[in-house]
PDB file of N, CA and C in Angstrom:
ATOM      1  N   MET A   1      -6.621 -20.196  -2.661  1.00  0.00           N
ATOM      2  CA  MET A   1      -5.942 -19.311  -1.743  1.00  0.00           C
ATOM      3  C   MET A   1      -6.163 -17.861  -2.166  1.00  0.00           C
ATOM      4  N   THR A   2      -6.608 -17.025  -1.249  1.00  0.00           N
ATOM      5  CA  THR A   2      -6.788 -15.614  -1.546  1.00  0.00           C
ATOM      6  C   THR A   2      -5.559 -14.833  -1.089  1.00  0.00           C
ATOM      7  N   PHE A   3      -5.252 -13.808  -1.831  1.00  0.00           N
ATOM      8  CA  PHE A   3      -4.102 -12.970  -1.533  1.00  0.00           C
ATOM      9  C   PHE A   3      -4.448 -11.543  -1.952  1.00  0.00           C
ATOM     10  N   ILE A   4      -4.637 -10.680  -0.966  1.00  0.00           N
ATOM     11  CA  ILE A   4      -5.068  -9.309  -1.193  1.00  0.00           C
ATOM     12  C   ILE A   4      -4.048  -8.360  -0.566  1.00  0.00           C
ATOM     13  N   ALA A   5      -3.836  -7.228  -1.212  1.00  0.00           N
ATOM     14  CA  ALA A   5      -3.026  -6.157  -0.624  1.00  0.00           C
ATOM     15  C   ALA A   5      -3.904  -4.922  -0.485  1.00  0.00           C
ATOM     16  N   HIS A   6      -3.911  -4.339   0.698  1.00  0.00           N
ATOM     17  CA  HIS A   6      -4.588  -3.063   0.935  1.00  0.00           C
ATOM     18  C   HIS A   6      -3.518  -1.986   1.035  1.00  0.00           C
ATOM     19  N   VAL A   7      -3.706  -0.917   0.285  1.00  0.00           N
ATOM     20  CA  VAL A   7      -2.754   0.194   0.289  1.00  0.00           C
ATOM     21  C   VAL A   7      -3.421   1.382   0.984  1.00  0.00           C
ATOM     22  N   TYR A   8      -2.750   1.889   2.016  1.00  0.00           N
ATOM     23  CA  TYR A   8      -3.250   3.019   2.796  1.00  0.00           C
ATOM     24  C   TYR A   8      -2.314   4.202   2.640  1.00  0.00           C
ATOM     25  N   HIS A   9      -2.889   5.372   2.399  1.00  0.00           N
ATOM     26  CA  HIS A   9      -2.106   6.604   2.323  1.00  0.00           C
ATOM     27  C   HIS A   9      -2.320   7.401   3.598  1.00  0.00           C
ATOM     28  N   GLY A  10      -1.236   7.996   4.085  1.00  0.00           N
ATOM     29  CA  GLY A  10      -1.325   8.871   5.245  1.00  0.00           C
ATOM     30  C   GLY A  10      -2.152  10.104   4.923  1.00  0.00           C
ATOM     31  N   LEU A  11      -2.959  10.522   5.892  1.00  0.00           N
ATOM     32  CA  LEU A  11      -3.788  11.716   5.722  1.00  0.00           C
ATOM     33  C   LEU A  11      -3.024  12.957   6.181  1.00  0.00           C
ATOM     34  N   PRO A  12      -3.310  14.096   5.570  1.00  0.00           N
ATOM     35  CA  PRO A  12      -2.660  15.328   6.018  1.00  0.00           C
ATOM     36  C   PRO A  12      -3.217  15.762   7.375  1.00  0.00           C
ATOM     37  N   ASP A  13      -2.462  16.611   8.063  1.00  0.00           N
ATOM     38  CA  ASP A  13      -2.933  17.130   9.341  1.00  0.00           C
ATOM     39  C   ASP A  13      -3.933  18.270   9.093  1.00  0.00           C
ATOM     40  N   ALA A  14      -4.360  18.917  10.156  1.00  0.00           N
ATOM     41  CA  ALA A  14      -5.371  19.975  10.053  1.00  0.00           C
ATOM     42  C   ALA A  14      -4.910  21.148   9.184  1.00  0.00           C
ATOM     43  N   GLU A  15      -3.603  21.350   9.085  1.00  0.00           N
ATOM     44  CA  GLU A  15      -3.064  22.432   8.243  1.00  0.00           C
ATOM     45  C   GLU A  15      -2.775  21.971   6.817  1.00  0.00           C
ATOM     46  N   GLY A  16      -3.100  20.726   6.504  1.00  0.00           N
ATOM     47  CA  GLY A  16      -2.890  20.213   5.156  1.00  0.00           C
ATOM     48  C   GLY A  16      -1.507  19.663   4.882  1.00  0.00           C
ATOM     49  N   ARG A  17      -0.678  19.521   5.931  1.00  0.00           N
ATOM     50  CA  ARG A  17       0.679  18.995   5.752  1.00  0.00           C
ATOM     51  C   ARG A  17       0.665  17.473   5.767  1.00  0.00           C
ATOM     52  N   HIS A  18       1.464  16.890   4.887  1.00  0.00           N
ATOM     53  CA  HIS A  18       1.646  15.435   4.873  1.00  0.00           C
ATOM     54  C   HIS A  18       2.886  15.085   5.681  1.00  0.00           C
ATOM     55  N   TYR A  19       2.783  14.003   6.433  1.00  0.00           N
ATOM     56  CA  TYR A  19       3.924  13.525   7.204  1.00  0.00           C
ATOM     57  C   TYR A  19       4.518  12.347   6.458  1.00  0.00           C
ATOM     58  N   PHE A  20       5.717  12.490   5.964  1.00  0.00           N
ATOM     59  CA  PHE A  20       6.349  11.394   5.252  1.00  0.00           C
ATOM     60  C   PHE A  20       7.144  10.558   6.242  1.00  0.00           C
ATOM     61  N   GLU A  21       6.406  10.035   7.202  1.00  0.00           N
ATOM     62  CA  GLU A  21       6.932   9.130   8.223  1.00  0.00           C
ATOM     63  C   GLU A  21       5.756   8.284   8.694  1.00  0.00           C
ATOM     64  N   THR A  22       6.051   7.172   9.304  1.00  0.00           N
ATOM     65  CA  THR A  22       4.997   6.281   9.766  1.00  0.00           C
ATOM     66  C   THR A  22       4.400   6.821  11.060  1.00  0.00           C
ATOM     67  N   ARG A  23       3.084   6.842  11.112  1.00  0.00           N
ATOM     68  CA  ARG A  23       2.342   7.261  12.302  1.00  0.00           C
ATOM     69  C   ARG A  23       1.509   6.082  12.786  1.00  0.00           C
ATOM     70  N   PRO A  24       0.871   6.190  13.956  1.00  0.00           N
ATOM     71  CA  PRO A  24       0.020   5.084  14.417  1.00  0.00           C
ATOM     72  C   PRO A  24      -1.007   4.724  13.340  1.00  0.00           C
ATOM     73  N   PHE A  25      -1.157   3.444  13.089  1.00  0.00           N
ATOM     74  CA  PHE A  25      -2.014   2.951  12.012  1.00  0.00           C
ATOM     75  C   PHE A  25      -3.473   2.968  12.466  1.00  0.00           C
ATOM     76  N   THR A  26      -4.107   4.148  12.326  1.00  0.00           N
ATOM     77  CA  THR A  26      -5.507   4.332  12.700  1.00  0.00           C
ATOM     78  C   THR A  26      -6.232   5.034  11.561  1.00  0.00           C
ATOM     79  N   SER A  27      -7.564   4.993  11.595  1.00  0.00           N
ATOM     80  CA  SER A  27      -8.346   5.659  10.552  1.00  0.00           C
ATOM     81  C   SER A  27      -8.204   7.181  10.617  1.00  0.00           C
ATOM     82  N   ALA A  28      -7.746   7.715  11.748  1.00  0.00           N
ATOM     83  CA  ALA A  28      -7.497   9.152  11.839  1.00  0.00           C
ATOM     84  C   ALA A  28      -6.243   9.551  11.072  1.00  0.00           C
ATOM     85  N   ASN A  29      -5.331   8.593  10.866  1.00  0.00           N
ATOM     86  CA  ASN A  29      -4.061   8.888  10.201  1.00  0.00           C
ATOM     87  C   ASN A  29      -3.960   8.357   8.776  1.00  0.00           C
ATOM     88  N   TYR A  30      -4.759   7.357   8.412  1.00  0.00           N
ATOM     89  CA  TYR A  30      -4.643   6.700   7.103  1.00  0.00           C
ATOM     90  C   TYR A  30      -6.008   6.439   6.492  1.00  0.00           C
ATOM     91  N   ARG A  31      -6.028   6.394   5.146  1.00  0.00           N
ATOM     92  CA  ARG A  31      -7.250   5.966   4.450  1.00  0.00           C
ATOM     93  C   ARG A  31      -6.878   4.922   3.407  1.00  0.00           C
ATOM     94  N   LEU A  32      -7.766   3.967   3.226  1.00  0.00           N
ATOM     95  CA  LEU A  32      -7.587   2.909   2.232  1.00  0.00           C
ATOM     96  C   LEU A  32      -7.784   3.509   0.848  1.00  0.00           C
ATOM     97  N   VAL A  33      -6.769   3.387  -0.018  1.00  0.00           N
ATOM     98  CA  VAL A  33      -6.869   3.955  -1.367  1.00  0.00           C
ATOM     99  C   VAL A  33      -6.952   2.891  -2.457  1.00  0.00           C
ATOM    100  N   ALA A  34      -6.485   1.661  -2.157  1.00  0.00           N
ATOM    101  CA  ALA A  34      -6.532   0.611  -3.177  1.00  0.00           C
ATOM    102  C   ALA A  34      -6.594  -0.761  -2.523  1.00  0.00           C
ATOM    103  N   GLU A  35      -7.358  -1.633  -3.164  1.00  0.00           N
ATOM    104  CA  GLU A  35      -7.399  -3.044  -2.777  1.00  0.00           C
ATOM    105  C   GLU A  35      -6.962  -3.835  -4.001  1.00  0.00           C
ATOM    106  N   LEU A  36      -5.813  -4.489  -3.904  1.00  0.00           N
ATOM    107  CA  LEU A  36      -5.219  -5.201  -5.035  1.00  0.00           C
ATOM    108  C   LEU A  36      -5.374  -6.698  -4.818  1.00  0.00           C
ATOM    109  N   ASP A  37      -5.990  -7.365  -5.765  1.00  0.00           N
ATOM    110  CA  ASP A  37      -6.205  -8.810  -5.650  1.00  0.00           C
ATOM    111  C   ASP A  37      -5.107  -9.537  -6.414  1.00  0.00           C
ATOM    112  N   PHE A  38      -4.203 -10.156  -5.655  1.00  0.00           N
ATOM    113  CA  PHE A  38      -3.095 -10.907  -6.241  1.00  0.00           C
ATOM    114  C   PHE A  38      -3.396 -12.404  -6.322  1.00  0.00           C
ATOM    115  N   THR A  39      -4.606 -12.822  -6.021  1.00  0.00           N
ATOM    116  CA  THR A  39      -4.937 -14.245  -5.931  1.00  0.00           C
ATOM    117  C   THR A  39      -4.565 -15.005  -7.197  1.00  0.00           C
ATOM    118  N   VAL A  40      -4.959 -14.506  -8.348  1.00  0.00           N
ATOM    119  CA  VAL A  40      -4.705 -15.214  -9.613  1.00  0.00           C
ATOM    120  C   VAL A  40      -3.235 -15.130  -9.999  1.00  0.00           C
ATOM    121  N   SER A  41      -2.635 -13.947  -9.882  1.00  0.00           N
ATOM    122  CA  SER A  41      -1.251 -13.769 -10.332  1.00  0.00           C
ATOM    123  C   SER A  41      -0.232 -14.359  -9.358  1.00  0.00           C
ATOM    124  N   TYR A  42      -0.657 -14.720  -8.168  1.00  0.00           N
ATOM    125  CA  TYR A  42       0.252 -15.227  -7.142  1.00  0.00           C
ATOM    126  C   TYR A  42       0.867 -16.576  -7.493  1.00  0.00           C
ATOM    127  N   HIS A  43       0.109 -17.431  -8.130  1.00  0.00           N
ATOM    128  CA  HIS A  43       0.554 -18.797  -8.389  1.00  0.00           C
ATOM    129  C   HIS A  43       1.750 -18.833  -9.342  1.00  0.00           C
ATOM    130  N   GLY A  44       2.811 -19.470  -8.899  1.00  0.00           N
ATOM    131  CA  GLY A  44       3.998 -19.636  -9.720  1.00  0.00           C
ATOM    132  C   GLY A  44       4.976 -18.478  -9.657  1.00  0.00           C
ATOM    133  N   LEU A  45       4.654 -17.451  -8.872  1.00  0.00           N
ATOM    134  CA  LEU A  45       5.540 -16.303  -8.739  1.00  0.00           C
ATOM    135  C   LEU A  45       6.167 -16.303  -7.351  1.00  0.00           C
ATOM    136  N   PRO A  46       7.146 -15.449  -7.104  1.00  0.00           N
ATOM    137  CA  PRO A  46       7.827 -15.459  -5.804  1.00  0.00           C
ATOM    138  C   PRO A  46       6.860 -15.334  -4.633  1.00  0.00           C
ATOM    139  N   ASP A  47       7.176 -16.053  -3.569  1.00  0.00           N
ATOM    140  CA  ASP A  47       6.342 -16.067  -2.371  1.00  0.00           C
ATOM    141  C   ASP A  47       6.729 -14.951  -1.403  1.00  0.00           C
ATOM    142  N   ALA A  48       7.900 -14.374  -1.570  1.00  0.00           N
ATOM    143  CA  ALA A  48       8.421 -13.386  -0.619  1.00  0.00           C
ATOM    144  C   ALA A  48       7.551 -12.136  -0.579  1.00  0.00           C
ATOM    145  N   ASP A  49       7.263 -11.669   0.630  1.00  0.00           N
ATOM    146  CA  ASP A  49       6.493 -10.442   0.788  1.00  0.00           C
ATOM    147  C   ASP A  49       7.145  -9.287   0.042  1.00  0.00           C
ATOM    148  N   SER A  50       8.471  -9.232   0.048  1.00  0.00           N
ATOM    149  CA  SER A  50       9.175  -8.114  -0.586  1.00  0.00           C
ATOM    150  C   SER A  50       8.791  -7.963  -2.059  1.00  0.00           C
ATOM    151  N   HIS A  51       8.597  -9.081  -2.752  1.00  0.00           N
ATOM    152  CA  HIS A  51       8.193  -9.018  -4.162  1.00  0.00           C
ATOM    153  C   HIS A  51       6.828  -8.350  -4.297  1.00  0.00           C
ATOM    154  N   TRP A  52       5.874  -8.765  -3.480  1.00  0.00           N
ATOM    155  CA  TRP A  52       4.501  -8.266  -3.591  1.00  0.00           C
ATOM    156  C   TRP A  52       4.373  -6.841  -3.078  1.00  0.00           C
ATOM    157  N   LEU A  53       5.203  -6.462  -2.111  1.00  0.00           N
ATOM    158  CA  LEU A  53       5.213  -5.075  -1.665  1.00  0.00           C
ATOM    159  C   LEU A  53       5.669  -4.159  -2.801  1.00  0.00           C
ATOM    160  N   GLU A  54       6.681  -4.585  -3.525  1.00  0.00           N
ATOM    161  CA  GLU A  54       7.161  -3.793  -4.659  1.00  0.00           C
ATOM    162  C   GLU A  54       6.116  -3.714  -5.765  1.00  0.00           C
ATOM    163  N   VAL A  55       5.392  -4.808  -6.003  1.00  0.00           N
ATOM    164  CA  VAL A  55       4.320  -4.795  -7.011  1.00  0.00           C
ATOM    165  C   VAL A  55       3.243  -3.794  -6.596  1.00  0.00           C
ATOM    166  N   ALA A  56       2.821  -3.835  -5.317  1.00  0.00           N
ATOM    167  CA  ALA A  56       1.798  -2.908  -4.826  1.00  0.00           C
ATOM    168  C   ALA A  56       2.287  -1.464  -4.933  1.00  0.00           C
ATOM    169  N   PHE A  57       3.549  -1.229  -4.596  1.00  0.00           N
ATOM    170  CA  PHE A  57       4.129   0.106  -4.681  1.00  0.00           C
ATOM    171  C   PHE A  57       4.097   0.609  -6.124  1.00  0.00           C
ATOM    172  N   GLU A  58       4.541  -0.230  -7.046  1.00  0.00           N
ATOM    173  CA  GLU A  58       4.567   0.159  -8.463  1.00  0.00           C
ATOM    174  C   GLU A  58       3.154   0.417  -8.992  1.00  0.00           C
ATOM    175  N   MET A  59       2.195  -0.421  -8.587  1.00  0.00           N
ATOM    176  CA  MET A  59       0.822  -0.270  -9.077  1.00  0.00           C
ATOM    177  C   MET A  59       0.156   0.998  -8.562  1.00  0.00           C
ATOM    178  N   THR A  60       0.647   1.567  -7.467  1.00  0.00           N
ATOM    179  CA  THR A  60       0.038   2.772  -6.895  1.00  0.00           C
ATOM    180  C   THR A  60       0.981   3.971  -6.980  1.00  0.00           C
ATOM    181  N   ASN A  61       1.790   3.999  -8.027  1.00  0.00           N
ATOM    182  CA  ASN A  61       2.651   5.138  -8.307  1.00  0.00           C
ATOM    183  C   ASN A  61       2.401   5.638  -9.715  1.00  0.00           C
ATOM    184  N   SER A  62       2.368   6.937  -9.866  1.00  0.00           N
ATOM    185  CA  SER A  62       2.166   7.560 -11.172  1.00  0.00           C
ATOM    186  C   SER A  62       3.519   7.679 -11.855  1.00  0.00           C
ATOM    187  N   ILE A  63       3.688   6.926 -12.928  1.00  0.00           N
ATOM    188  CA  ILE A  63       4.957   6.950 -13.660  1.00  0.00           C
ATOM    189  C   ILE A  63       4.711   7.579 -15.035  1.00  0.00           C
ATOM    190  N   ASP A  64       4.025   6.867 -15.923  1.00  0.00           N
ATOM    191  CA  ASP A  64       3.704   7.405 -17.244  1.00  0.00           C
ATOM    192  C   ASP A  64       2.334   8.073 -17.275  1.00  0.00           C
ATOM    193  N   CYS A  65       1.512   7.772 -16.280  1.00  0.00           N
ATOM    194  CA  CYS A  65       0.173   8.349 -16.175  1.00  0.00           C
ATOM    195  C   CYS A  65      -0.243   8.256 -14.708  1.00  0.00           C
ATOM    196  N   GLY A  66      -1.364   8.870 -14.371  1.00  0.00           N
ATOM    197  CA  GLY A  66      -1.867   8.754 -13.009  1.00  0.00           C
ATOM    198  C   GLY A  66      -2.138   7.283 -12.681  1.00  0.00           C
ATOM    199  N   TRP A  67      -1.680   6.820 -11.523  1.00  0.00           N
ATOM    200  CA  TRP A  67      -1.808   5.386 -11.217  1.00  0.00           C
ATOM    201  C   TRP A  67      -3.251   4.935 -11.210  1.00  0.00           C
ATOM    202  N   HIS A  68      -4.181   5.831 -10.861  1.00  0.00           N
ATOM    203  CA  HIS A  68      -5.597   5.465 -10.831  1.00  0.00           C
ATOM    204  C   HIS A  68      -6.150   5.176 -12.230  1.00  0.00           C
ATOM    205  N   GLU A  69      -5.393   5.523 -13.279  1.00  0.00           N
ATOM    206  CA  GLU A  69      -5.813   5.204 -14.646  1.00  0.00           C
ATOM    207  C   GLU A  69      -5.517   3.758 -15.007  1.00  0.00           C
ATOM    208  N   LYS A  70      -4.588   3.101 -14.290  1.00  0.00           N
ATOM    209  CA  LYS A  70      -4.237   1.712 -14.595  1.00  0.00           C
ATOM    210  C   LYS A  70      -4.591   0.750 -13.466  1.00  0.00           C
ATOM    211  N   THR A  71      -4.777   1.279 -12.261  1.00  0.00           N
ATOM    212  CA  THR A  71      -5.093   0.478 -11.090  1.00  0.00           C
ATOM    213  C   THR A  71      -6.345   1.064 -10.451  1.00  0.00           C
ATOM    214  N   PRO A  72      -7.348   0.239 -10.150  1.00  0.00           N
ATOM    215  CA  PRO A  72      -8.561   0.797  -9.535  1.00  0.00           C
ATOM    216  C   PRO A  72      -8.263   1.478  -8.197  1.00  0.00           C
ATOM    217  N   SER A  73      -8.688   2.726  -8.086  1.00  0.00           N
ATOM    218  CA  SER A  73      -8.545   3.489  -6.847  1.00  0.00           C
ATOM    219  C   SER A  73      -9.887   3.507  -6.138  1.00  0.00           C
ATOM    220  N   LEU A  74      -9.871   3.387  -4.827  1.00  0.00           N
ATOM    221  CA  LEU A  74     -11.111   3.431  -4.050  1.00  0.00           C
ATOM    222  C   LEU A  74     -11.535   4.859  -3.737  1.00  0.00           C
ATOM    223  N   VAL A  75     -10.678   5.835  -4.022  1.00  0.00           N
ATOM    224  CA  VAL A  75     -10.967   7.218  -3.662  1.00  0.00           C
ATOM    225  C   VAL A  75     -10.839   8.185  -4.834  1.00  0.00           C
ATOM    226  N   GLY A  76     -10.691   7.682  -6.044  1.00  0.00           N
ATOM    227  CA  GLY A  76     -10.495   8.556  -7.190  1.00  0.00           C
ATOM    228  C   GLY A  76      -9.034   8.957  -7.298  1.00  0.00           C
ATOM    229  N   PRO A  77      -8.748   9.951  -8.130  1.00  0.00           N
ATOM    230  CA  PRO A  77      -7.349  10.370  -8.301  1.00  0.00           C
ATOM    231  C   PRO A  77      -6.728  10.768  -6.958  1.00  0.00           C
ATOM    232  N   THR A  78      -5.547  10.294  -6.725  1.00  0.00           N
ATOM    233  CA  THR A  78      -4.836  10.599  -5.489  1.00  0.00           C
ATOM    234  C   THR A  78      -3.337  10.524  -5.752  1.00  0.00           C
ATOM    235  N   ARG A  79      -2.552  10.942  -4.801  1.00  0.00           N
ATOM    236  CA  ARG A  79      -1.095  10.963  -4.960  1.00  0.00           C
ATOM    237  C   ARG A  79      -0.522   9.546  -5.007  1.00  0.00           C
ATOM    238  N   SER A  80       0.725   9.457  -5.372  1.00  0.00           N
ATOM    239  CA  SER A  80       1.431   8.174  -5.386  1.00  0.00           C
ATOM    240  C   SER A  80       1.736   7.709  -3.971  1.00  0.00           C
ATOM    241  N   THR A  81       1.902   6.405  -3.819  1.00  0.00           N
ATOM    242  CA  THR A  81       2.317   5.838  -2.543  1.00  0.00           C
ATOM    243  C   THR A  81       3.723   6.330  -2.228  1.00  0.00           C
ATOM    244  N   SER A  82       3.932   6.783  -0.980  1.00  0.00           N
ATOM    245  CA  SER A  82       5.177   7.436  -0.582  1.00  0.00           C
ATOM    246  C   SER A  82       5.644   6.948   0.782  1.00  0.00           C
ATOM    247  N   VAL A  83       6.789   7.445   1.204  1.00  0.00           N
ATOM    248  CA  VAL A  83       7.338   7.130   2.520  1.00  0.00           C
ATOM    249  C   VAL A  83       6.280   7.410   3.587  1.00  0.00           C
ATOM    250  N   GLY A  84       6.122   6.455   4.506  1.00  0.00           N
ATOM    251  CA  GLY A  84       5.158   6.578   5.584  1.00  0.00           C
ATOM    252  C   GLY A  84       3.825   5.924   5.299  1.00  0.00           C
ATOM    253  N   ASP A  85       3.523   5.647   4.026  1.00  0.00           N
ATOM    254  CA  ASP A  85       2.280   4.953   3.690  1.00  0.00           C
ATOM    255  C   ASP A  85       2.396   3.480   4.068  1.00  0.00           C
ATOM    256  N   ILE A  86       1.272   2.781   4.092  1.00  0.00           N
ATOM    257  CA  ILE A  86       1.237   1.417   4.610  1.00  0.00           C
ATOM    258  C   ILE A  86       0.604   0.470   3.601  1.00  0.00           C
ATOM    259  N   VAL A  87       1.183  -0.738   3.493  1.00  0.00           N
ATOM    260  CA  VAL A  87       0.606  -1.814   2.699  1.00  0.00           C
ATOM    261  C   VAL A  87       0.358  -2.997   3.635  1.00  0.00           C
ATOM    262  N   VAL A  88      -0.864  -3.521   3.593  1.00  0.00           N
ATOM    263  CA  VAL A  88      -1.234  -4.685   4.390  1.00  0.00           C
ATOM    264  C   VAL A  88      -1.414  -5.856   3.432  1.00  0.00           C
ATOM    265  N   LEU A  89      -0.654  -6.927   3.650  1.00  0.00           N
ATOM    266  CA  LEU A  89      -0.775  -8.142   2.841  1.00  0.00           C
ATOM    267  C   LEU A  89      -1.629  -9.154   3.596  1.00  0.00           C
ATOM    268  N   LEU A  90      -2.721  -9.588   2.988  1.00  0.00           N
ATOM    269  CA  LEU A  90      -3.652 -10.558   3.575  1.00  0.00           C
ATOM    270  C   LEU A  90      -3.594 -11.831   2.749  1.00  0.00           C
ATOM    271  N   ARG A  91      -3.030 -12.873   3.354  1.00  0.00           N
ATOM    272  CA  ARG A  91      -2.818 -14.115   2.614  1.00  0.00           C
ATOM    273  C   ARG A  91      -3.281 -15.296   3.462  1.00  0.00           C
ATOM    274  N   GLU A  92      -4.474 -15.831   3.132  1.00  0.00           N
ATOM    275  CA  GLU A  92      -5.013 -17.027   3.797  1.00  0.00           C
ATOM    276  C   GLU A  92      -4.792 -17.042   5.309  1.00  0.00           C
ATOM    277  N   GLY A  93      -5.367 -16.080   5.987  1.00  0.00           N
ATOM    278  CA  GLY A  93      -5.306 -16.063   7.443  1.00  0.00           C
ATOM    279  C   GLY A  93      -4.080 -15.406   8.038  1.00  0.00           C
ATOM    280  N   THR A  94      -3.113 -15.020   7.220  1.00  0.00           N
ATOM    281  CA  THR A  94      -1.953 -14.311   7.754  1.00  0.00           C
ATOM    282  C   THR A  94      -2.021 -12.848   7.324  1.00  0.00           C
ATOM    283  N   VAL A  95      -1.538 -11.991   8.183  1.00  0.00           N
ATOM    284  CA  VAL A  95      -1.556 -10.556   7.918  1.00  0.00           C
ATOM    285  C   VAL A  95      -0.147 -10.023   8.112  1.00  0.00           C
ATOM    286  N   GLY A  96       0.338  -9.303   7.130  1.00  0.00           N
ATOM    287  CA  GLY A  96       1.620  -8.611   7.241  1.00  0.00           C
ATOM    288  C   GLY A  96       1.386  -7.124   7.015  1.00  0.00           C
ATOM    289  N   ILE A  97       1.873  -6.304   7.920  1.00  0.00           N
ATOM    290  CA  ILE A  97       1.699  -4.852   7.807  1.00  0.00           C
ATOM    291  C   ILE A  97       3.074  -4.232   7.626  1.00  0.00           C
ATOM    292  N   TRP A  98       3.211  -3.456   6.550  1.00  0.00           N
ATOM    293  CA  TRP A  98       4.504  -2.894   6.176  1.00  0.00           C
ATOM    294  C   TRP A  98       4.360  -1.401   5.896  1.00  0.00           C
ATOM    295  N   ALA A  99       5.347  -0.625   6.317  1.00  0.00           N
ATOM    296  CA  ALA A  99       5.389   0.806   6.021  1.00  0.00           C
ATOM    297  C   ALA A  99       6.446   1.067   4.962  1.00  0.00           C
ATOM    298  N   VAL A 100       6.132   1.959   4.033  1.00  0.00           N
ATOM    299  CA  VAL A 100       7.124   2.391   3.052  1.00  0.00           C
ATOM    300  C   VAL A 100       8.174   3.206   3.803  1.00  0.00           C
ATOM    301  N   ASP A 101       9.419   2.816   3.640  1.00  0.00           N
ATOM    302  CA  ASP A 101      10.521   3.515   4.298  1.00  0.00           C
ATOM    303  C   ASP A 101      11.323   4.263   3.237  1.00  0.00           C
ATOM    304  N   ARG A 102      12.301   5.035   3.650  1.00  0.00           N
ATOM    305  CA  ARG A 102      13.112   5.779   2.686  1.00  0.00           C
ATOM    306  C   ARG A 102      13.831   4.839   1.727  1.00  0.00           C
ATOM    307  N   PHE A 103      14.230   3.682   2.208  1.00  0.00           N
ATOM    308  CA  PHE A 103      14.863   2.662   1.388  1.00  0.00           C
ATOM    309  C   PHE A 103      14.230   1.331   1.743  1.00  0.00           C
ATOM    310  N   GLY A 104      13.222   0.928   1.005  1.00  0.00           N
ATOM    311  CA  GLY A 104      12.595  -0.369   1.245  1.00  0.00           C
ATOM    312  C   GLY A 104      11.374  -0.282   2.163  1.00  0.00           C
ATOM    313  N   TRP A 105      11.237  -1.304   3.002  1.00  0.00           N
ATOM    314  CA  TRP A 105      10.027  -1.494   3.802  1.00  0.00           C
ATOM    315  C   TRP A 105      10.384  -1.778   5.252  1.00  0.00           C
ATOM    316  N   THR A 106       9.527  -1.337   6.165  1.00  0.00           N
ATOM    317  CA  THR A 106       9.688  -1.618   7.583  1.00  0.00           C
ATOM    318  C   THR A 106       8.454  -2.381   8.050  1.00  0.00           C
ATOM    319  N   PRO A 107       8.638  -3.578   8.637  1.00  0.00           N
ATOM    320  CA  PRO A 107       7.474  -4.320   9.136  1.00  0.00           C
ATOM    321  C   PRO A 107       6.920  -3.647  10.397  1.00  0.00           C
ATOM    322  N   LEU A 108       5.601  -3.638  10.508  1.00  0.00           N
ATOM    323  CA  LEU A 108       4.933  -3.095  11.684  1.00  0.00           C
ATOM    324  C   LEU A 108       4.270  -4.226  12.443  1.00  0.00           C
ATOM    325  N   ALA A 109       4.134  -4.069  13.734  1.00  0.00           N
ATOM    326  CA  ALA A 109       3.452  -5.091  14.546  1.00  0.00           C
ATOM    327  C   ALA A 109       1.979  -5.130  14.134  1.00  0.00           C
ATOM    328  N   ASN A 110       1.443  -6.348  14.106  1.00  0.00           N
ATOM    329  CA  ASN A 110       0.023  -6.469  13.763  1.00  0.00           C
ATOM    330  C   ASN A 110      -0.742  -7.123  14.850  1.00  0.00           C
TER     331      ASN A 110
END
């Protein structure tokens, strides 16, 4: 069973401002910054999406060092995952799309 999480960060507008809110999930608004493979670590751990969303969030946040130093980044050094960013969970034919909210996660239609 494969289990992958894609982490997307919202792009700034033409003036360089970041929107810390969810926008339409398009390549004009978001870029893929990390692909996390949970396939091996998934077995024997909680099945709930909420657990894996928190793992993806923690892996793409700079706490003691830049997150790209501990987690492979697809775009080089970048900011931490924040409100309005999106995590897509891909698990054996199922897709869950979630936005980082001010408190927790909001599911998006897929």
